[in-house]
N, C-alpha and C. Protein backbone atom coordinates (compact mmCIF):
# COMPACT_ATOMS: atom_id res chain seq x y z
N VAL A 1 0.83 -1.19 0.00
CA VAL A 1 0.00 0.00 0.00
C VAL A 1 0.88 1.25 0.00
N CYS A 2 1.99 1.22 -0.66
CA CYS A 2 2.84 2.41 -0.66
C CYS A 2 3.08 2.86 -2.09
N SER A 3 3.41 4.09 -2.24
CA SER A 3 3.73 4.65 -3.55
C SER A 3 4.93 3.91 -4.12
N SER A 4 4.89 3.63 -5.40
CA SER A 4 5.98 2.85 -6.01
C SER A 4 7.33 3.57 -5.94
N ASP A 5 7.30 4.89 -5.79
CA ASP A 5 8.55 5.65 -5.73
C ASP A 5 9.14 5.71 -4.32
N LEU A 6 8.39 5.34 -3.34
CA LEU A 6 8.85 5.46 -1.95
C LEU A 6 9.16 4.10 -1.35
N VAL A 7 10.20 4.09 -0.55
CA VAL A 7 10.54 2.89 0.20
C VAL A 7 9.67 2.87 1.46
N MET A 8 9.20 1.69 1.82
CA MET A 8 8.40 1.56 3.03
C MET A 8 9.26 1.95 4.23
N PRO A 9 8.71 2.73 5.17
CA PRO A 9 9.48 3.09 6.37
C PRO A 9 9.90 1.83 7.14
N GLU A 10 11.07 1.89 7.75
CA GLU A 10 11.50 0.78 8.61
C GLU A 10 10.57 0.71 9.80
N LYS A 11 10.36 -0.50 10.31
CA LYS A 11 9.51 -0.66 11.49
C LYS A 11 10.13 0.08 12.67
N TYR A 12 9.27 0.64 13.50
CA TYR A 12 9.71 1.43 14.64
C TYR A 12 9.51 0.65 15.92
N GLY A 13 10.59 0.55 16.73
CA GLY A 13 10.55 -0.25 17.94
C GLY A 13 10.48 0.51 19.25
N GLY A 14 10.48 1.84 19.20
CA GLY A 14 10.37 2.60 20.43
C GLY A 14 11.59 3.43 20.79
N GLU A 15 12.57 3.50 19.92
CA GLU A 15 13.78 4.28 20.18
C GLU A 15 13.44 5.77 20.09
N PRO A 16 13.61 6.54 21.20
CA PRO A 16 13.23 7.95 21.20
C PRO A 16 13.87 8.78 20.09
N GLY A 17 15.13 8.54 19.82
CA GLY A 17 15.82 9.32 18.80
C GLY A 17 15.36 9.03 17.38
N ALA A 18 14.64 7.94 17.17
CA ALA A 18 14.23 7.54 15.83
C ALA A 18 12.78 7.89 15.51
N LEU A 19 12.02 8.33 16.50
CA LEU A 19 10.59 8.57 16.29
C LEU A 19 10.33 9.64 15.23
N LYS A 20 11.01 10.76 15.33
CA LYS A 20 10.77 11.87 14.40
C LYS A 20 11.01 11.42 12.95
N HIS A 21 12.11 10.74 12.73
CA HIS A 21 12.43 10.24 11.38
C HIS A 21 11.35 9.26 10.90
N PHE A 22 10.96 8.35 11.75
CA PHE A 22 9.93 7.37 11.42
C PHE A 22 8.62 8.07 11.02
N LEU A 23 8.18 9.02 11.83
CA LEU A 23 6.93 9.73 11.55
C LEU A 23 7.05 10.56 10.26
N ASN A 24 8.22 11.14 10.02
CA ASN A 24 8.43 11.89 8.78
C ASN A 24 8.33 10.97 7.56
N GLN A 25 8.89 9.77 7.67
CA GLN A 25 8.81 8.80 6.57
C GLN A 25 7.36 8.40 6.31
N CYS A 26 6.61 8.21 7.37
CA CYS A 26 5.19 7.89 7.22
C CYS A 26 4.44 9.04 6.55
N GLN A 27 4.77 10.27 6.96
CA GLN A 27 4.11 11.45 6.40
C GLN A 27 4.35 11.56 4.90
N LEU A 28 5.52 11.15 4.44
CA LEU A 28 5.78 11.14 2.99
C LEU A 28 4.76 10.26 2.26
N HIS A 29 4.46 9.12 2.83
CA HIS A 29 3.46 8.23 2.22
C HIS A 29 2.08 8.88 2.23
N PHE A 30 1.73 9.52 3.34
CA PHE A 30 0.42 10.17 3.43
C PHE A 30 0.31 11.28 2.38
N ASN A 31 1.39 12.05 2.22
CA ASN A 31 1.37 13.17 1.28
C ASN A 31 1.32 12.73 -0.17
N THR A 32 1.98 11.62 -0.49
CA THR A 32 2.04 11.18 -1.88
C THR A 32 0.86 10.30 -2.28
N ARG A 33 0.12 9.80 -1.31
CA ARG A 33 -1.05 8.96 -1.62
C ARG A 33 -2.28 9.42 -0.82
N PRO A 34 -2.73 10.64 -1.07
CA PRO A 34 -3.89 11.13 -0.33
C PRO A 34 -5.15 10.29 -0.58
N ASP A 35 -5.19 9.58 -1.71
CA ASP A 35 -6.33 8.71 -1.99
C ASP A 35 -6.40 7.55 -0.99
N LEU A 36 -5.25 7.07 -0.53
CA LEU A 36 -5.21 5.97 0.43
C LEU A 36 -5.27 6.44 1.87
N PHE A 37 -4.82 7.67 2.11
CA PHE A 37 -4.69 8.17 3.48
C PHE A 37 -5.55 9.42 3.70
N ALA A 38 -6.80 9.34 3.28
CA ALA A 38 -7.70 10.49 3.41
C ALA A 38 -8.29 10.60 4.82
N ALA A 39 -8.36 9.49 5.53
CA ALA A 39 -8.98 9.48 6.85
C ALA A 39 -7.92 9.29 7.94
N ASP A 40 -8.17 9.91 9.09
CA ASP A 40 -7.26 9.77 10.23
C ASP A 40 -6.99 8.31 10.55
N VAL A 41 -8.04 7.51 10.53
CA VAL A 41 -7.89 6.10 10.91
C VAL A 41 -6.94 5.37 9.96
N SER A 42 -6.88 5.77 8.69
CA SER A 42 -5.95 5.16 7.73
C SER A 42 -4.51 5.50 8.08
N ASN A 43 -4.27 6.74 8.45
CA ASN A 43 -2.92 7.16 8.83
C ASN A 43 -2.46 6.41 10.08
N VAL A 44 -3.33 6.35 11.08
CA VAL A 44 -2.99 5.67 12.33
C VAL A 44 -2.77 4.19 12.09
N ALA A 45 -3.62 3.57 11.28
CA ALA A 45 -3.48 2.14 10.99
C ALA A 45 -2.15 1.85 10.29
N PHE A 46 -1.75 2.73 9.37
CA PHE A 46 -0.47 2.55 8.67
C PHE A 46 0.68 2.59 9.67
N ILE A 47 0.66 3.57 10.54
CA ILE A 47 1.72 3.68 11.55
C ILE A 47 1.72 2.45 12.46
N CYS A 48 0.54 2.08 12.95
CA CYS A 48 0.45 0.92 13.86
C CYS A 48 0.98 -0.35 13.21
N SER A 49 0.76 -0.49 11.91
CA SER A 49 1.22 -1.70 11.21
C SER A 49 2.75 -1.76 11.13
N LEU A 50 3.40 -0.63 11.37
CA LEU A 50 4.86 -0.57 11.30
C LEU A 50 5.53 -0.51 12.67
N LEU A 51 4.77 -0.74 13.73
CA LEU A 51 5.34 -0.73 15.07
C LEU A 51 5.80 -2.12 15.45
N LYS A 52 6.90 -2.19 16.19
CA LYS A 52 7.43 -3.46 16.67
C LYS A 52 7.93 -3.28 18.10
N GLU A 53 8.27 -4.37 18.73
CA GLU A 53 8.88 -4.38 20.07
C GLU A 53 8.12 -3.49 21.05
N GLN A 54 8.81 -2.60 21.73
CA GLN A 54 8.21 -1.78 22.78
C GLN A 54 7.05 -0.94 22.23
N ALA A 55 7.19 -0.40 21.05
CA ALA A 55 6.13 0.43 20.47
C ALA A 55 4.89 -0.40 20.17
N ALA A 56 5.07 -1.61 19.70
CA ALA A 56 3.94 -2.51 19.43
C ALA A 56 3.25 -2.90 20.74
N ARG A 57 4.03 -3.13 21.78
CA ARG A 57 3.43 -3.45 23.08
C ARG A 57 2.63 -2.26 23.62
N TRP A 58 3.12 -1.04 23.36
CA TRP A 58 2.41 0.16 23.80
C TRP A 58 1.06 0.30 23.09
N VAL A 59 1.02 0.04 21.79
CA VAL A 59 -0.21 0.27 21.02
C VAL A 59 -1.22 -0.87 21.17
N SER A 60 -0.78 -2.05 21.58
CA SER A 60 -1.68 -3.21 21.68
C SER A 60 -2.94 -2.94 22.50
N PRO A 61 -2.84 -2.39 23.71
CA PRO A 61 -4.07 -2.12 24.48
C PRO A 61 -5.00 -1.13 23.77
N LEU A 62 -4.44 -0.17 23.06
CA LEU A 62 -5.27 0.79 22.32
C LEU A 62 -6.06 0.06 21.23
N LEU A 63 -5.40 -0.86 20.55
CA LEU A 63 -6.05 -1.64 19.50
C LEU A 63 -7.12 -2.56 20.08
N GLU A 64 -6.78 -3.23 21.17
CA GLU A 64 -7.71 -4.17 21.79
C GLU A 64 -8.97 -3.47 22.30
N GLN A 65 -8.84 -2.23 22.74
CA GLN A 65 -9.99 -1.47 23.27
C GLN A 65 -10.64 -0.60 22.21
N ASP A 66 -10.13 -0.63 20.98
CA ASP A 66 -10.58 0.27 19.92
C ASP A 66 -10.66 1.70 20.46
N SER A 67 -9.55 2.14 21.03
CA SER A 67 -9.46 3.45 21.65
C SER A 67 -9.81 4.57 20.67
N PRO A 68 -10.50 5.60 21.13
CA PRO A 68 -10.78 6.76 20.28
C PRO A 68 -9.51 7.41 19.73
N THR A 69 -8.40 7.23 20.40
CA THR A 69 -7.12 7.76 19.94
C THR A 69 -6.75 7.22 18.56
N LEU A 70 -7.19 6.01 18.26
CA LEU A 70 -6.88 5.39 16.97
C LEU A 70 -7.65 6.03 15.83
N HIS A 71 -8.66 6.82 16.13
CA HIS A 71 -9.50 7.45 15.11
C HIS A 71 -9.20 8.93 14.95
N ASP A 72 -8.21 9.43 15.67
CA ASP A 72 -7.85 10.85 15.63
C ASP A 72 -6.33 10.94 15.46
N TYR A 73 -5.90 11.27 14.25
CA TYR A 73 -4.47 11.27 13.94
C TYR A 73 -3.68 12.22 14.83
N SER A 74 -4.19 13.43 15.05
CA SER A 74 -3.48 14.39 15.90
C SER A 74 -3.34 13.87 17.32
N GLN A 75 -4.39 13.30 17.83
CA GLN A 75 -4.37 12.74 19.20
C GLN A 75 -3.40 11.57 19.28
N PHE A 76 -3.38 10.74 18.24
CA PHE A 76 -2.46 9.61 18.22
C PHE A 76 -1.01 10.09 18.21
N LEU A 77 -0.72 11.11 17.38
CA LEU A 77 0.64 11.65 17.33
C LEU A 77 1.05 12.20 18.69
N GLU A 78 0.14 12.90 19.34
CA GLU A 78 0.43 13.43 20.68
C GLU A 78 0.76 12.30 21.64
N ALA A 79 -0.02 11.23 21.57
CA ALA A 79 0.17 10.09 22.48
C ALA A 79 1.50 9.39 22.23
N ILE A 80 1.80 9.10 20.98
CA ILE A 80 3.05 8.37 20.70
C ILE A 80 4.27 9.24 21.01
N LYS A 81 4.16 10.54 20.74
CA LYS A 81 5.28 11.44 21.06
C LYS A 81 5.47 11.59 22.57
N SER A 82 4.38 11.56 23.32
CA SER A 82 4.51 11.70 24.77
C SER A 82 5.20 10.49 25.39
N VAL A 83 5.07 9.34 24.74
CA VAL A 83 5.70 8.12 25.26
C VAL A 83 7.10 7.91 24.69
N PHE A 84 7.26 8.13 23.39
CA PHE A 84 8.52 7.77 22.73
C PHE A 84 9.32 8.97 22.20
N GLY A 85 8.79 10.17 22.33
CA GLY A 85 9.51 11.35 21.86
C GLY A 85 10.79 11.54 22.65
N SER A 86 11.74 12.26 22.07
CA SER A 86 13.01 12.44 22.77
C SER A 86 12.80 13.24 24.04
N PRO A 87 13.53 12.90 25.10
CA PRO A 87 13.38 13.59 26.38
C PRO A 87 13.57 15.10 26.27
N GLY A 88 14.45 15.53 25.40
CA GLY A 88 14.68 16.96 25.21
C GLY A 88 13.44 17.67 24.71
N GLN A 89 12.71 17.05 23.80
CA GLN A 89 11.48 17.63 23.28
C GLN A 89 10.43 17.71 24.38
N ARG A 90 10.35 16.66 25.19
CA ARG A 90 9.37 16.65 26.28
C ARG A 90 9.68 17.74 27.29
N LEU A 91 10.96 17.88 27.65
CA LEU A 91 11.35 18.92 28.61
C LEU A 91 11.04 20.31 28.07
N GLN A 92 11.31 20.52 26.79
CA GLN A 92 11.02 21.83 26.19
C GLN A 92 9.51 22.10 26.20
N ALA A 93 8.72 21.09 25.91
CA ALA A 93 7.26 21.25 25.92
C ALA A 93 6.78 21.59 27.32
N GLU A 94 7.36 20.94 28.34
CA GLU A 94 6.98 21.24 29.72
C GLU A 94 7.36 22.68 30.08
N ARG A 95 8.55 23.11 29.66
CA ARG A 95 8.96 24.50 29.93
C ARG A 95 8.04 25.48 29.22
N ASP A 96 7.68 25.17 27.98
CA ASP A 96 6.79 26.04 27.23
C ASP A 96 5.44 26.17 27.92
N LEU A 97 4.94 25.06 28.45
CA LEU A 97 3.66 25.09 29.16
C LEU A 97 3.73 25.96 30.40
N LEU A 98 4.86 25.95 31.09
CA LEU A 98 5.00 26.76 32.29
C LEU A 98 5.03 28.25 31.99
N HIS A 99 5.37 28.60 30.77
CA HIS A 99 5.48 30.01 30.41
C HIS A 99 4.27 30.53 29.64
N ILE A 100 3.23 29.73 29.54
CA ILE A 100 2.02 30.21 28.87
C ILE A 100 1.38 31.29 29.73
N SER A 101 0.94 32.34 29.07
CA SER A 101 0.27 33.41 29.82
C SER A 101 -0.99 33.83 29.09
N GLN A 102 -1.88 34.40 29.84
CA GLN A 102 -3.10 34.94 29.28
C GLN A 102 -3.12 36.41 29.67
N GLY A 103 -3.02 37.26 28.66
CA GLY A 103 -2.87 38.68 28.98
C GLY A 103 -1.54 38.86 29.69
N GLY A 104 -1.54 39.49 30.85
CA GLY A 104 -0.31 39.68 31.62
C GLY A 104 -0.15 38.65 32.71
N ARG A 105 -1.09 37.71 32.82
CA ARG A 105 -1.05 36.73 33.91
C ARG A 105 -0.60 35.37 33.42
N SER A 106 0.18 34.71 34.25
CA SER A 106 0.61 33.34 33.95
C SER A 106 -0.53 32.38 34.21
N VAL A 107 -0.60 31.33 33.42
CA VAL A 107 -1.63 30.31 33.65
C VAL A 107 -1.09 29.14 34.45
N ALA A 108 0.19 29.13 34.72
CA ALA A 108 0.81 28.02 35.47
C ALA A 108 0.55 28.14 36.95
């Protein structure tokens, strides 16, 4: 189910430093085959089919429960990044959240 010009992304096992590259490779498929990846659930299913080891163990309960996360691509990306994203990205996101303000007041 991939474009003939693109190589299938390597399976992802949960390595934090490899997640961004893996998701970028998947995005190339989504962009080049919008006919196949028009729905969120198609994008999520494609990614799930390429998970192995720790990442596959993480997604298994979501699949078994037919979690709503599997039907919302943005929510799924948030979830997988929160678990397997690089620690530096997570720390930066936490710092950014602490500095959110509304008007002149902090929300933290």
